[in-house]
Structure formats: C-alpha cells, structure tokens
Amino acid sequence: MIAIPDQHSTTGKAMQTLDKKMIRRGVIMSLAKNIIVATALTGILAMAHLGAVQAGDATPVWRTMKPLHAISFDVGRKHVLSYFLRKEGLCELTMMVTDRPDEASDGDEIPTLATARFKAAIDGGKTARLDTPEGKSLEYACTTDAHAMSVMQMNQVAVASPPWRNSK
C-alpha cells in the first residue's frame, strides 16, 4: 500500500512544491536542449551555404543594398566594402578594396592594409562590374528608381572561339 500524504500537511505541501519544481526544471531543460539543437543546426546550415558559395558550386545570389547600408565581400585575395547614395536617379556607388588580412602578410610580418577607394555613378536600371585579377567579379545593379542596388559575386569564365571561326 502506498501512502499518499495529506495535501494539508507540511510534508504534502513540500512534495507538491517539489513536484512543481521538477516539472518546471524538466520544461526548462527541454527548452534549453531545443534551443541548442536549433542553434547548432542553423550554424551547420550557414557554414554549408558559405562553403558552397565560396567553392563556386552554388548559383550566384543577388544581395540587396539600401542607401548607406554597406555590404562586404571577400573576392579572391581582396576584401571589398561597398555602399551607395541615391542622387538624382543615380546610384553613387563607393567601393573600398583592400587585401584580406589573412592574405596581406607572410606570417610574422604585420600586415599593411593599403586601401583603394573607387566611385562609380550608375544610372537607374544599369549595371557595373568590378573585376579582380583572380577571375572574380562583383556585379552591381541599380534599380530603375535608384532606391536600392543588388550585388552579385561571380566567377569570370574565359571563352575561346571555336577553331573554325579563326580560319578564313
């Protein structure tokens, strides 16, 4: 026979309090476990996406910029930070290009990060491209109303003419 404590006794109230605490603790632990699993899964998916984009396996993705909201990219050995201003139907693009810190030094040296700034006024509905010697490019597209710009990182591909086109 199991003894069930009286709810009005001190022991009964203590057991009820203990049961409520254990239930709360179980719910909190379950919630914490779910948050940890969700965070880990998000990190894994983000890293997989980053790896695919860096490897060039994924289709290039357009990223959108609003005026004065900067976007940065690693493009080959360079790091590019870009933003734009909207002026009279134009996207006034500013790009700051520097060596990536991990590429700038030979190990023991302190990196010297020389930065170059480029400006381009792009008409609404038009595009401009920044190419690097490694065959990487950033293509910037200004919307027709110049309220936003889209940026896409691309790999350049050399195309050779077929041999029969060169012969006369």
N, C-alpha and C. Protein backbone atom coordinates (compact mmCIF):
# COMPACT_ATOMS: atom_id res chain seq x y z
N MET A 1 0.84 -1.17 0.00
CA MET A 1 0.00 0.00 0.00
C MET A 1 0.89 1.25 0.00
N ILE A 2 0.56 2.20 -0.87
CA ILE A 2 1.36 3.42 -1.00
C ILE A 2 0.69 4.50 -0.17
N ALA A 3 1.49 5.17 0.62
CA ALA A 3 0.96 6.24 1.46
C ALA A 3 0.98 7.54 0.66
N ILE A 4 -0.18 8.17 0.57
CA ILE A 4 -0.28 9.46 -0.11
C ILE A 4 -0.41 10.51 0.97
N PRO A 5 0.53 11.47 1.00
CA PRO A 5 0.48 12.47 2.06
C PRO A 5 -0.75 13.36 1.92
N ASP A 6 -1.23 13.79 3.01
CA ASP A 6 -2.37 14.71 3.05
C ASP A 6 -1.91 16.05 2.47
N GLN A 7 -2.78 16.65 1.63
CA GLN A 7 -2.39 17.91 0.98
C GLN A 7 -2.27 19.05 1.98
N HIS A 8 -2.91 18.88 3.13
CA HIS A 8 -2.87 19.96 4.12
C HIS A 8 -1.70 19.83 5.06
N SER A 9 -1.00 18.71 4.99
CA SER A 9 0.14 18.53 5.88
C SER A 9 1.36 19.23 5.32
N THR A 10 2.34 19.46 6.14
CA THR A 10 3.58 20.11 5.74
C THR A 10 4.32 19.24 4.72
N THR A 11 4.33 17.94 4.93
CA THR A 11 5.00 17.03 4.01
C THR A 11 4.33 17.04 2.65
N GLY A 12 3.00 17.07 2.63
CA GLY A 12 2.26 17.09 1.36
C GLY A 12 2.55 18.36 0.57
N LYS A 13 2.58 19.51 1.23
CA LYS A 13 2.87 20.78 0.56
C LYS A 13 4.30 20.79 0.03
N ALA A 14 5.21 20.23 0.79
CA ALA A 14 6.61 20.17 0.35
C ALA A 14 6.74 19.30 -0.89
N MET A 15 5.99 18.16 -0.92
CA MET A 15 6.06 17.28 -2.09
C MET A 15 5.44 17.94 -3.31
N GLN A 16 4.33 18.66 -3.12
CA GLN A 16 3.72 19.36 -4.24
C GLN A 16 4.66 20.43 -4.79
N THR A 17 5.31 21.17 -3.92
CA THR A 17 6.27 22.19 -4.35
C THR A 17 7.42 21.54 -5.09
N LEU A 18 7.90 20.39 -4.56
CA LEU A 18 8.99 19.67 -5.20
C LEU A 18 8.57 19.17 -6.57
N ASP A 19 7.34 18.63 -6.70
CA ASP A 19 6.84 18.17 -7.99
C ASP A 19 6.76 19.31 -8.99
N LYS A 20 6.25 20.47 -8.56
CA LYS A 20 6.15 21.63 -9.46
C LYS A 20 7.53 22.09 -9.92
N LYS A 21 8.49 22.08 -9.00
CA LYS A 21 9.85 22.49 -9.36
C LYS A 21 10.46 21.51 -10.35
N MET A 22 10.21 20.20 -10.15
CA MET A 22 10.76 19.20 -11.06
C MET A 22 10.14 19.33 -12.44
N ILE A 23 8.83 19.61 -12.50
CA ILE A 23 8.16 19.78 -13.79
C ILE A 23 8.72 21.01 -14.49
N ARG A 24 8.87 22.13 -13.77
CA ARG A 24 9.44 23.35 -14.35
C ARG A 24 10.86 23.09 -14.85
N ARG A 25 11.63 22.39 -14.04
CA ARG A 25 13.01 22.09 -14.42
C ARG A 25 13.05 21.25 -15.69
N GLY A 26 12.15 20.27 -15.79
CA GLY A 26 12.08 19.43 -16.99
C GLY A 26 11.72 20.24 -18.23
N VAL A 27 10.76 21.16 -18.08
CA VAL A 27 10.35 22.01 -19.20
C VAL A 27 11.50 22.91 -19.62
N ILE A 28 12.18 23.51 -18.64
CA ILE A 28 13.30 24.41 -18.94
C ILE A 28 14.43 23.64 -19.60
N MET A 29 14.74 22.44 -19.12
CA MET A 29 15.82 21.64 -19.72
C MET A 29 15.45 21.25 -21.15
N SER A 30 14.20 20.88 -21.37
CA SER A 30 13.75 20.51 -22.71
C SER A 30 13.84 21.71 -23.65
N LEU A 31 13.42 22.88 -23.17
CA LEU A 31 13.50 24.10 -23.97
C LEU A 31 14.95 24.45 -24.28
N ALA A 32 15.82 24.34 -23.29
CA ALA A 32 17.24 24.64 -23.50
C ALA A 32 17.84 23.68 -24.52
N LYS A 33 17.49 22.40 -24.43
CA LYS A 33 18.00 21.42 -25.39
C LYS A 33 17.54 21.76 -26.80
N ASN A 34 16.27 22.14 -26.96
CA ASN A 34 15.75 22.51 -28.28
C ASN A 34 16.45 23.74 -28.83
N ILE A 35 16.74 24.71 -27.98
CA ILE A 35 17.44 25.92 -28.43
C ILE A 35 18.85 25.58 -28.88
N ILE A 36 19.53 24.72 -28.14
CA ILE A 36 20.90 24.33 -28.51
C ILE A 36 20.90 23.58 -29.83
N VAL A 37 19.96 22.67 -30.01
CA VAL A 37 19.88 21.91 -31.26
C VAL A 37 19.56 22.84 -32.43
N ALA A 38 18.63 23.77 -32.24
CA ALA A 38 18.28 24.71 -33.31
C ALA A 38 19.45 25.61 -33.67
N THR A 39 20.19 26.07 -32.66
CA THR A 39 21.36 26.93 -32.90
C THR A 39 22.44 26.16 -33.66
N ALA A 40 22.68 24.93 -33.25
CA ALA A 40 23.69 24.10 -33.92
C ALA A 40 23.29 23.85 -35.37
N LEU A 41 22.03 23.53 -35.60
CA LEU A 41 21.56 23.27 -36.96
C LEU A 41 21.67 24.52 -37.83
N THR A 42 21.31 25.66 -37.27
CA THR A 42 21.44 26.93 -38.00
C THR A 42 22.90 27.19 -38.38
N GLY A 43 23.81 26.96 -37.44
CA GLY A 43 25.23 27.15 -37.71
C GLY A 43 25.73 26.22 -38.80
N ILE A 44 25.32 24.97 -38.74
CA ILE A 44 25.74 23.99 -39.76
C ILE A 44 25.22 24.39 -41.12
N LEU A 45 23.95 24.79 -41.20
CA LEU A 45 23.39 25.20 -42.49
C LEU A 45 24.07 26.45 -43.02
N ALA A 46 24.37 27.41 -42.14
CA ALA A 46 25.05 28.62 -42.57
C ALA A 46 26.44 28.31 -43.10
N MET A 47 27.17 27.44 -42.41
CA MET A 47 28.52 27.08 -42.86
C MET A 47 28.45 26.31 -44.18
N ALA A 48 27.46 25.45 -44.34
CA ALA A 48 27.33 24.72 -45.60
C ALA A 48 27.05 25.68 -46.74
N HIS A 49 26.19 26.67 -46.50
CA HIS A 49 25.89 27.66 -47.53
C HIS A 49 27.13 28.49 -47.86
N LEU A 50 27.86 28.93 -46.83
CA LEU A 50 29.08 29.71 -47.05
C LEU A 50 30.10 28.90 -47.84
N GLY A 51 30.27 27.64 -47.47
CA GLY A 51 31.23 26.79 -48.17
C GLY A 51 30.86 26.61 -49.63
N ALA A 52 29.56 26.44 -49.91
CA ALA A 52 29.12 26.26 -51.28
C ALA A 52 29.34 27.53 -52.09
N VAL A 53 29.04 28.68 -51.50
CA VAL A 53 29.23 29.94 -52.23
C VAL A 53 30.71 30.19 -52.47
N GLN A 54 31.56 29.93 -51.46
CA GLN A 54 32.99 30.15 -51.63
C GLN A 54 33.59 29.18 -52.63
N ALA A 55 33.07 27.97 -52.68
CA ALA A 55 33.61 26.98 -53.61
C ALA A 55 33.13 27.24 -55.04
N GLY A 56 32.14 28.11 -55.20
CA GLY A 56 31.65 28.41 -56.54
C GLY A 56 30.68 27.37 -57.04
N ASP A 57 30.22 26.46 -56.17
CA ASP A 57 29.29 25.42 -56.58
C ASP A 57 27.87 25.94 -56.70
N ALA A 58 27.54 26.96 -55.94
CA ALA A 58 26.17 27.46 -55.92
C ALA A 58 25.95 28.50 -57.02
N THR A 59 24.70 28.64 -57.40
CA THR A 59 24.33 29.68 -58.33
C THR A 59 24.56 31.03 -57.66
N PRO A 60 25.13 32.00 -58.37
CA PRO A 60 25.35 33.31 -57.75
C PRO A 60 24.05 33.88 -57.19
N VAL A 61 24.15 34.52 -56.04
CA VAL A 61 22.98 35.06 -55.36
C VAL A 61 23.08 36.58 -55.33
N TRP A 62 21.98 37.23 -55.67
CA TRP A 62 21.92 38.69 -55.60
C TRP A 62 21.65 39.09 -54.16
N ARG A 63 22.43 40.03 -53.63
CA ARG A 63 22.19 40.61 -52.31
C ARG A 63 21.78 42.06 -52.51
N THR A 64 20.83 42.52 -51.72
CA THR A 64 20.28 43.86 -51.89
C THR A 64 20.89 44.84 -50.89
N MET A 65 21.22 46.03 -51.40
CA MET A 65 21.73 47.12 -50.56
C MET A 65 20.71 48.26 -50.58
N LYS A 66 20.54 48.89 -49.45
CA LYS A 66 19.77 50.12 -49.34
C LYS A 66 20.77 51.27 -49.22
N PRO A 67 20.36 52.51 -49.48
CA PRO A 67 21.31 53.62 -49.38
C PRO A 67 21.97 53.68 -48.00
N LEU A 68 23.29 53.86 -48.00
CA LEU A 68 24.13 53.96 -46.81
C LEU A 68 24.18 52.70 -45.95
N HIS A 69 23.71 51.57 -46.46
CA HIS A 69 23.85 50.28 -45.77
C HIS A 69 24.92 49.48 -46.51
N ALA A 70 26.06 49.30 -45.87
CA ALA A 70 27.21 48.67 -46.53
C ALA A 70 27.07 47.16 -46.60
N ILE A 71 27.68 46.59 -47.62
CA ILE A 71 27.81 45.14 -47.78
C ILE A 71 29.28 44.87 -48.03
N SER A 72 29.81 43.79 -47.43
CA SER A 72 31.21 43.46 -47.66
C SER A 72 31.32 42.05 -48.24
N PHE A 73 32.37 41.85 -49.03
CA PHE A 73 32.62 40.58 -49.71
C PHE A 73 34.11 40.27 -49.65
N ASP A 74 34.44 39.00 -49.60
CA ASP A 74 35.80 38.54 -49.89
C ASP A 74 35.77 38.09 -51.34
N VAL A 75 36.58 38.74 -52.17
CA VAL A 75 36.62 38.45 -53.60
C VAL A 75 38.05 38.07 -53.94
N GLY A 76 38.32 36.78 -54.02
CA GLY A 76 39.70 36.34 -54.23
C GLY A 76 40.56 36.75 -53.05
N ARG A 77 41.69 37.41 -53.33
CA ARG A 77 42.59 37.86 -52.26
C ARG A 77 42.19 39.24 -51.71
N LYS A 78 41.12 39.80 -52.22
CA LYS A 78 40.69 41.15 -51.82
C LYS A 78 39.45 41.10 -50.95
N HIS A 79 39.30 42.15 -50.14
CA HIS A 79 38.08 42.35 -49.35
C HIS A 79 37.47 43.66 -49.85
N VAL A 80 36.19 43.63 -50.17
CA VAL A 80 35.51 44.79 -50.73
C VAL A 80 34.35 45.18 -49.81
N LEU A 81 34.33 46.46 -49.44
CA LEU A 81 33.23 47.03 -48.68
C LEU A 81 32.58 48.06 -49.59
N SER A 82 31.27 47.95 -49.78
CA SER A 82 30.62 48.89 -50.70
C SER A 82 29.30 49.40 -50.12
N TYR A 83 28.98 50.64 -50.51
CA TYR A 83 27.71 51.27 -50.15
C TYR A 83 27.37 52.25 -51.26
N PHE A 84 26.14 52.77 -51.23
CA PHE A 84 25.78 53.76 -52.25
C PHE A 84 24.89 54.84 -51.68
N LEU A 85 24.84 55.96 -52.39
CA LEU A 85 23.94 57.07 -52.11
C LEU A 85 23.03 57.24 -53.32
N ARG A 86 21.81 57.65 -53.09
CA ARG A 86 20.87 57.91 -54.18
C ARG A 86 20.88 59.40 -54.46
N LYS A 87 21.21 59.77 -55.71
CA LYS A 87 21.24 61.18 -56.10
C LYS A 87 20.68 61.33 -57.50
N GLU A 88 19.59 62.05 -57.61
CA GLU A 88 19.00 62.41 -58.91
C GLU A 88 18.85 61.22 -59.84
N GLY A 89 18.29 60.14 -59.36
CA GLY A 89 18.05 58.96 -60.19
C GLY A 89 19.27 58.12 -60.46
N LEU A 90 20.39 58.42 -59.78
CA LEU A 90 21.62 57.66 -59.93
C LEU A 90 21.94 56.93 -58.63
N CYS A 91 22.64 55.82 -58.75
CA CYS A 91 23.22 55.15 -57.59
C CYS A 91 24.69 55.52 -57.58
N GLU A 92 25.10 56.35 -56.61
CA GLU A 92 26.51 56.72 -56.49
C GLU A 92 27.20 55.69 -55.60
N LEU A 93 27.85 54.75 -56.24
CA LEU A 93 28.46 53.61 -55.57
C LEU A 93 29.87 53.96 -55.10
N THR A 94 30.19 53.56 -53.88
CA THR A 94 31.55 53.70 -53.34
C THR A 94 32.01 52.30 -52.94
N MET A 95 33.19 51.90 -53.41
CA MET A 95 33.78 50.60 -53.07
C MET A 95 35.15 50.84 -52.47
N MET A 96 35.41 50.24 -51.33
CA MET A 96 36.73 50.29 -50.72
C MET A 96 37.32 48.89 -50.81
N VAL A 97 38.49 48.79 -51.43
CA VAL A 97 39.10 47.49 -51.71
C VAL A 97 40.43 47.42 -50.98
N THR A 98 40.65 46.31 -50.27
CA THR A 98 41.89 46.10 -49.53
C THR A 98 42.26 44.62 -49.61
N ASP A 99 43.50 44.30 -49.29
CA ASP A 99 43.88 42.89 -49.19
C ASP A 99 43.19 42.30 -47.97
N ARG A 100 42.80 41.04 -48.09
CA ARG A 100 42.23 40.37 -46.92
C ARG A 100 43.34 40.24 -45.88
N PRO A 101 43.04 40.45 -44.60
CA PRO A 101 44.08 40.40 -43.56
C PRO A 101 44.85 39.08 -43.55
N ASP A 102 44.20 37.97 -43.84
CA ASP A 102 44.90 36.68 -43.83
C ASP A 102 45.79 36.51 -45.06
N GLU A 103 45.59 37.33 -46.09
CA GLU A 103 46.40 37.27 -47.30
C GLU A 103 47.47 38.35 -47.34
N ALA A 104 47.38 39.33 -46.42
CA ALA A 104 48.23 40.51 -46.51
C ALA A 104 49.64 40.30 -45.98
N SER A 105 49.86 39.29 -45.15
CA SER A 105 51.19 39.13 -44.57
C SER A 105 51.74 37.74 -44.85
N ASP A 106 53.04 37.60 -44.66
CA ASP A 106 53.70 36.31 -44.86
C ASP A 106 53.95 35.61 -43.54
N GLY A 107 53.09 35.75 -42.59
CA GLY A 107 53.26 35.05 -41.32
C GLY A 107 53.65 35.97 -40.19
N ASP A 108 54.95 36.25 -40.07
CA ASP A 108 55.45 37.03 -38.93
C ASP A 108 55.29 38.53 -39.14
N GLU A 109 55.10 38.96 -40.37
CA GLU A 109 55.01 40.39 -40.65
C GLU A 109 53.67 40.96 -40.20
N ILE A 110 53.67 42.22 -39.84
CA ILE A 110 52.43 42.93 -39.56
C ILE A 110 51.85 43.33 -40.90
N PRO A 111 50.59 42.98 -41.15
CA PRO A 111 50.03 43.29 -42.47
C PRO A 111 49.89 44.79 -42.70
N THR A 112 50.19 45.20 -43.92
CA THR A 112 49.94 46.58 -44.32
C THR A 112 48.73 46.53 -45.22
N LEU A 113 47.66 47.11 -44.76
CA LEU A 113 46.40 47.02 -45.49
C LEU A 113 46.15 48.30 -46.27
N ALA A 114 46.81 48.41 -47.41
CA ALA A 114 46.58 49.56 -48.28
C ALA A 114 45.17 49.45 -48.84
N THR A 115 44.44 50.53 -48.78
CA THR A 115 43.05 50.53 -49.23
C THR A 115 42.91 51.47 -50.42
N ALA A 116 42.15 51.03 -51.41
CA ALA A 116 41.83 51.87 -52.57
C ALA A 116 40.33 52.10 -52.57
N ARG A 117 39.93 53.33 -52.88
CA ARG A 117 38.51 53.65 -52.95
C ARG A 117 38.16 53.97 -54.39
N PHE A 118 37.09 53.34 -54.85
CA PHE A 118 36.58 53.56 -56.20
C PHE A 118 35.16 54.09 -56.09
N LYS A 119 34.83 55.03 -56.98
CA LYS A 119 33.47 55.56 -57.03
C LYS A 119 32.95 55.39 -58.45
N ALA A 120 31.65 55.11 -58.53
CA ALA A 120 31.01 54.98 -59.84
C ALA A 120 29.58 55.47 -59.73
N ALA A 121 29.15 56.27 -60.67
CA ALA A 121 27.76 56.71 -60.75
C ALA A 121 27.06 55.81 -61.76
N ILE A 122 26.08 55.06 -61.29
CA ILE A 122 25.39 54.09 -62.14
C ILE A 122 23.96 54.57 -62.36
N ASP A 123 23.58 54.70 -63.62
CA ASP A 123 22.22 55.14 -63.96
C ASP A 123 21.21 54.09 -63.47
N GLY A 124 20.00 54.56 -63.11
CA GLY A 124 18.94 53.65 -62.72
C GLY A 124 18.67 52.63 -63.82
N GLY A 125 18.57 51.36 -63.46
CA GLY A 125 18.33 50.30 -64.43
C GLY A 125 19.58 49.76 -65.10
N LYS A 126 20.75 50.28 -64.75
CA LYS A 126 22.02 49.86 -65.37
C LYS A 126 22.87 49.07 -64.38
N THR A 127 23.96 48.47 -64.88
CA THR A 127 24.86 47.69 -64.04
C THR A 127 26.31 48.13 -64.24
N ALA A 128 27.15 47.77 -63.29
CA ALA A 128 28.60 48.00 -63.38
C ALA A 128 29.27 46.79 -62.74
N ARG A 129 30.50 46.51 -63.15
CA ARG A 129 31.20 45.33 -62.67
C ARG A 129 32.61 45.69 -62.21
N LEU A 130 33.02 45.11 -61.08
CA LEU A 130 34.38 45.21 -60.57
C LEU A 130 35.04 43.85 -60.74
N ASP A 131 36.10 43.79 -61.53
CA ASP A 131 36.81 42.53 -61.79
C ASP A 131 38.13 42.50 -61.03
N THR A 132 38.57 41.31 -60.63
CA THR A 132 39.86 41.14 -59.97
C THR A 132 40.74 40.27 -60.86
N PRO A 133 42.07 40.33 -60.66
CA PRO A 133 42.97 39.53 -61.48
C PRO A 133 42.78 38.02 -61.32
N GLU A 134 42.18 37.58 -60.20
CA GLU A 134 41.99 36.14 -59.98
C GLU A 134 40.78 35.57 -60.71
N GLY A 135 40.07 36.40 -61.47
CA GLY A 135 38.90 35.91 -62.19
C GLY A 135 37.61 36.01 -61.39
N LYS A 136 37.59 36.80 -60.35
CA LYS A 136 36.38 37.02 -59.55
C LYS A 136 35.82 38.39 -59.90
N SER A 137 34.51 38.53 -59.79
CA SER A 137 33.85 39.80 -60.12
C SER A 137 32.73 40.09 -59.14
N LEU A 138 32.43 41.38 -58.98
CA LEU A 138 31.23 41.82 -58.29
C LEU A 138 30.42 42.61 -59.31
N GLU A 139 29.17 42.25 -59.50
CA GLU A 139 28.31 42.99 -60.41
C GLU A 139 27.29 43.75 -59.59
N TYR A 140 27.21 45.05 -59.82
CA TYR A 140 26.30 45.94 -59.11
C TYR A 140 25.21 46.38 -60.07
N ALA A 141 23.94 46.27 -59.65
CA ALA A 141 22.81 46.69 -60.47
C ALA A 141 22.00 47.73 -59.69
N CYS A 142 21.76 48.87 -60.32
CA CYS A 142 20.97 49.94 -59.72
C CYS A 142 19.52 49.78 -60.18
N THR A 143 18.57 49.81 -59.25
CA THR A 143 17.16 49.70 -59.65
C THR A 143 16.77 50.94 -60.46
N THR A 144 15.69 50.83 -61.20
CA THR A 144 15.29 51.93 -62.09
C THR A 144 15.01 53.22 -61.33
N ASP A 145 14.52 53.12 -60.09
CA ASP A 145 14.26 54.32 -59.30
C ASP A 145 15.42 54.70 -58.38
N ALA A 146 16.50 53.93 -58.42
CA ALA A 146 17.72 54.16 -57.64
C ALA A 146 17.48 54.11 -56.12
N HIS A 147 16.45 53.38 -55.70
CA HIS A 147 16.19 53.23 -54.26
C HIS A 147 16.95 52.06 -53.65
N ALA A 148 17.49 51.20 -54.48
CA ALA A 148 18.23 50.02 -53.99
C ALA A 148 19.23 49.58 -55.04
N MET A 149 20.22 48.82 -54.60
CA MET A 149 21.18 48.20 -55.51
C MET A 149 21.24 46.72 -55.18
N SER A 150 21.49 45.91 -56.19
CA SER A 150 21.73 44.49 -55.99
C SER A 150 23.17 44.19 -56.33
N VAL A 151 23.77 43.28 -55.58
CA VAL A 151 25.17 42.92 -55.79
C VAL A 151 25.26 41.41 -55.92
N MET A 152 26.05 40.95 -56.89
CA MET A 152 26.24 39.52 -57.08
C MET A 152 27.73 39.24 -57.26
N GLN A 153 28.23 38.26 -56.53
CA GLN A 153 29.62 37.83 -56.69
C GLN A 153 29.64 36.72 -57.73
N MET A 154 30.57 36.83 -58.68
CA MET A 154 30.61 35.89 -59.79
C MET A 154 32.04 35.44 -60.07
N ASN A 155 32.17 34.31 -60.74
CA ASN A 155 33.45 33.85 -61.27
C ASN A 155 33.45 34.15 -62.76
N GLN A 156 34.53 34.75 -63.24
CA GLN A 156 34.64 35.01 -64.67
C GLN A 156 35.05 33.71 -65.35
N VAL A 157 34.52 33.48 -66.52
CA VAL A 157 34.87 32.29 -67.28
C VAL A 157 35.36 32.74 -68.65
N ALA A 158 36.56 32.29 -69.01
CA ALA A 158 37.11 32.64 -70.32
C ALA A 158 36.48 31.73 -71.37
N VAL A 159 36.14 32.32 -72.48
CA VAL A 159 35.53 31.55 -73.56
C VAL A 159 36.44 31.67 -74.78
N ALA A 160 36.79 30.55 -75.34
CA ALA A 160 37.64 30.54 -76.54
C ALA A 160 36.75 30.39 -77.76
N SER A 161 37.14 31.04 -78.83
CA SER A 161 36.40 30.88 -80.07
C SER A 161 36.68 29.51 -80.65
N PRO A 162 35.69 28.88 -81.28
CA PRO A 162 35.94 27.59 -81.93
C PRO A 162 36.99 27.76 -83.03
N PRO A 163 37.82 26.74 -83.28
CA PRO A 163 38.91 26.87 -84.27
C PRO A 163 38.42 27.23 -85.67
N TRP A 164 37.23 26.80 -86.06
CA TRP A 164 36.75 27.08 -87.40
C TRP A 164 36.39 28.53 -87.61
N ARG A 165 36.18 29.31 -86.51
CA ARG A 165 35.85 30.72 -86.66
C ARG A 165 37.10 31.55 -87.00
N ASN A 166 38.28 31.09 -86.58
CA ASN A 166 39.52 31.84 -86.82
C ASN A 166 40.09 31.62 -88.20
N SER A 167 39.70 30.57 -88.85
CA SER A 167 40.26 30.28 -90.19
C SER A 167 39.44 30.99 -91.24
N LYS A 168 40.15 31.41 -92.32
CA LYS A 168 39.46 32.11 -93.42
C LYS A 168 39.57 31.34 -94.69
